Amino acid sequence: MIKLIVLDVDGTLSDGSLIYSNEGVEMKAFNVKDGLGIAMWIKLGGEVAIITGRKSKLVENRARELRITYLKQGVSDKAKALEEILKEANLSLKEVAIIGDDLNDLSMLKLVKYSFAPSDAVKEVKRNVHKVLKHKGGKGAVREMIDDLIKKEKLQVKLYEIFA
């Protein structure tokens, strides 16, 4: 059973665009449906982690807003960061699903059975994941992954009871 989903940020939770104001303030757009999918997963008893190569107060705020349990920013070795989270959460790789879009995600994507990539991920990632999603990064890919996992885990009835 999948207990933890791990999310990359740029190109997965966002479309990968980095927007800066004239004052140097970084901005990103996050998909509301992705956010609701994350909230659904948590309400169903699952946990969520973000592992990202960049460091941003914006991501910290989004993680807090969505009640994401684990946040690892500024990570160069994502497989190592995943191992740290698994140790802290007392979980195994069999209990994890991951979504990523670029080469720096491969080390962790290759470790799990249920790995996902947005439709606009780089080719090497697409060749090494369980499922390539129909949606692009930042455009509903995370929600699509969560919907797929809810169906796989047969959690639809429980979900409808929570949101009815």
Protein backbone atom coordinates (compact mmCIF):
# COMPACT_ATOMS: atom_id res chain seq x y z
CA MET A 1 0.00 0.00 0.00
CA ILE A 2 1.26 3.49 -0.88
CA LYS A 3 1.56 5.64 2.26
CA LEU A 4 3.79 8.47 1.04
CA ILE A 5 3.87 10.45 -2.17
CA VAL A 6 7.00 12.41 -3.02
CA LEU A 7 6.82 15.49 -5.22
CA ASP A 8 9.41 17.45 -7.11
CA VAL A 9 8.55 21.15 -7.52
CA ASP A 10 9.84 22.84 -10.68
CA GLY A 11 8.32 21.10 -13.68
CA THR A 12 6.01 18.99 -11.51
CA LEU A 13 4.14 21.09 -8.93
CA SER A 14 4.84 24.14 -11.10
CA ASP A 15 5.30 24.42 -14.84
CA GLY A 16 9.00 25.05 -14.32
CA SER A 17 8.86 28.76 -15.06
CA LEU A 18 10.83 31.05 -12.76
CA ILE A 19 9.32 34.52 -12.68
CA TYR A 20 11.10 37.40 -10.97
CA SER A 21 9.73 40.86 -10.25
CA ASN A 22 11.87 43.97 -10.80
CA GLU A 23 12.63 43.79 -7.08
CA GLY A 24 14.00 40.24 -7.47
CA VAL A 25 11.01 38.57 -5.82
CA GLU A 26 10.51 35.03 -7.12
CA MET A 27 7.01 33.93 -8.14
CA LYS A 28 5.56 30.58 -9.21
CA ALA A 29 2.11 29.43 -10.20
CA PHE A 30 0.67 26.35 -8.49
CA ASN A 31 -2.32 24.42 -9.79
CA VAL A 32 -5.36 24.46 -7.47
CA LYS A 33 -6.42 20.97 -8.59
CA ASP A 34 -2.98 19.64 -7.67
CA GLY A 35 -3.42 21.28 -4.27
CA LEU A 36 -6.83 19.70 -3.74
CA GLY A 37 -5.41 16.33 -4.78
CA ILE A 38 -2.70 16.69 -2.13
CA ALA A 39 -5.34 17.65 0.46
CA MET A 40 -7.42 14.61 -0.55
CA TRP A 41 -4.42 12.29 -0.17
CA ILE A 42 -3.72 13.65 3.32
CA LYS A 43 -7.39 13.35 4.36
CA LEU A 44 -7.26 9.72 3.23
CA GLY A 45 -4.43 9.17 5.72
CA GLY A 46 -1.49 9.46 3.34
CA GLU A 47 1.59 11.57 3.80
CA VAL A 48 3.31 13.91 1.36
CA ALA A 49 6.92 14.97 0.92
CA ILE A 50 8.54 17.57 -1.29
CA ILE A 51 12.12 17.03 -2.41
CA THR A 52 13.46 19.87 -4.55
CA GLY A 53 16.81 21.02 -5.82
CA ARG A 54 16.05 24.70 -5.33
CA LYS A 55 15.36 26.57 -2.12
CA SER A 56 12.46 28.98 -1.91
CA LYS A 57 10.34 30.62 0.80
CA LEU A 58 7.47 30.33 -1.68
CA VAL A 59 7.70 26.51 -1.66
CA GLU A 60 7.96 26.50 2.13
CA ASN A 61 4.74 28.54 2.31
CA ARG A 62 2.93 26.26 -0.15
CA ALA A 63 4.03 23.15 1.76
CA ARG A 64 2.79 24.65 5.04
CA GLU A 65 -0.51 25.71 3.45
CA LEU A 66 -1.13 22.17 2.15
CA ARG A 67 0.03 20.55 5.43
CA ILE A 68 2.81 18.64 3.69
CA THR A 69 4.70 16.57 6.27
CA TYR A 70 8.21 16.55 4.84
CA LEU A 71 10.03 19.33 3.00
CA LYS A 72 13.60 18.98 1.73
CA GLN A 73 14.91 21.96 -0.24
CA GLY A 74 18.28 22.69 -1.82
CA VAL A 75 18.83 18.96 -2.34
CA SER A 76 21.55 17.74 -4.72
CA ASP A 77 21.12 14.01 -3.95
CA LYS A 78 17.40 13.28 -4.04
CA ALA A 79 17.83 9.54 -3.40
CA LYS A 80 19.67 10.33 -0.16
CA ALA A 81 16.97 12.83 0.86
CA LEU A 82 14.34 10.18 0.19
CA GLU A 83 16.22 7.68 2.38
CA GLU A 84 16.28 10.24 5.21
CA ILE A 85 12.53 10.77 4.95
CA LEU A 86 11.84 7.02 4.86
CA LYS A 87 13.92 6.52 7.99
CA GLU A 88 12.12 9.34 9.80
CA ALA A 89 8.68 8.10 8.65
CA ASN A 90 9.55 4.44 9.28
CA LEU A 91 8.47 3.49 5.74
CA SER A 92 9.91 1.28 3.00
CA LEU A 93 10.37 2.03 -0.69
CA LYS A 94 7.38 -0.25 -1.42
CA GLU A 95 5.16 2.29 0.34
CA VAL A 96 6.24 5.27 -1.79
CA ALA A 97 5.15 6.81 -5.09
CA ILE A 98 7.16 9.62 -6.69
CA ILE A 99 6.65 12.19 -9.44
CA GLY A 100 9.54 13.98 -11.13
CA ASP A 101 10.35 15.50 -14.50
CA ASP A 102 14.08 15.95 -15.00
CA LEU A 103 17.44 14.22 -14.73
CA ASN A 104 18.03 15.27 -11.11
CA ASP A 105 14.90 13.25 -10.17
CA LEU A 106 16.10 9.97 -11.71
CA SER A 107 18.02 8.79 -8.65
CA MET A 108 14.85 8.66 -6.57
CA LEU A 109 12.44 7.72 -9.37
CA LYS A 110 14.40 4.55 -10.11
CA LEU A 111 14.10 3.38 -6.48
CA VAL A 112 10.33 2.88 -6.38
CA LYS A 113 7.81 0.78 -8.29
CA TYR A 114 5.26 3.57 -8.66
CA SER A 115 7.06 6.46 -10.30
CA PHE A 116 5.36 9.06 -12.47
CA ALA A 117 6.36 11.80 -14.90
CA PRO A 118 4.37 14.71 -16.34
CA SER A 119 3.81 14.56 -20.10
CA ASP A 120 6.43 17.27 -20.64
CA ALA A 121 9.17 15.53 -18.66
CA VAL A 122 12.51 14.93 -20.35
CA LYS A 123 12.76 11.74 -22.44
CA GLU A 124 15.20 9.97 -20.12
CA VAL A 125 12.76 10.35 -17.21
CA LYS A 126 9.83 9.18 -19.32
CA ARG A 127 11.78 6.02 -20.19
CA ASN A 128 12.42 5.24 -16.51
CA VAL A 129 9.03 5.67 -14.84
CA HIS A 130 6.05 3.43 -14.18
CA LYS A 131 3.65 5.86 -15.87
CA VAL A 132 3.87 8.97 -18.03
CA LEU A 133 0.88 11.16 -17.21
CA LYS A 134 -1.33 13.00 -19.70
CA HIS A 135 -1.00 16.34 -17.90
CA LYS A 136 2.00 18.65 -17.94
CA GLY A 137 3.90 19.76 -14.86
CA GLY A 138 2.04 22.49 -12.98
CA LYS A 139 -1.04 21.76 -15.08
CA GLY A 140 -2.65 18.90 -13.15
CA ALA A 141 0.01 16.17 -13.32
CA VAL A 142 0.17 15.80 -9.54
CA ARG A 143 -3.62 15.52 -9.31
CA GLU A 144 -3.62 12.91 -12.09
CA MET A 145 -1.00 10.89 -10.20
CA ILE A 146 -3.00 11.09 -6.96
CA ASP A 147 -6.24 10.13 -8.74
CA ASP A 148 -4.40 7.13 -10.22
CA LEU A 149 -3.12 6.09 -6.78
CA ILE A 150 -6.56 6.50 -5.18
CA LYS A 151 -7.97 4.18 -7.83
CA LYS A 152 -5.08 1.70 -7.46
CA GLU A 153 -5.52 1.62 -3.67
CA LYS A 154 -9.34 1.38 -4.04
CA LEU A 155 -9.90 4.47 -1.89
CA GLN A 156 -12.68 6.07 -3.99
CA VAL A 157 -15.52 5.15 -1.61
CA LYS A 158 -13.59 6.45 1.40
CA LEU A 159 -12.81 9.64 -0.51
CA TYR A 160 -16.46 10.23 -1.42
CA GLU A 161 -17.46 9.68 2.22
CA ILE A 162 -14.97 12.32 3.34
CA PHE A 163 -16.02 14.90 0.76
CA ALA A 164 -19.78 14.17 0.67
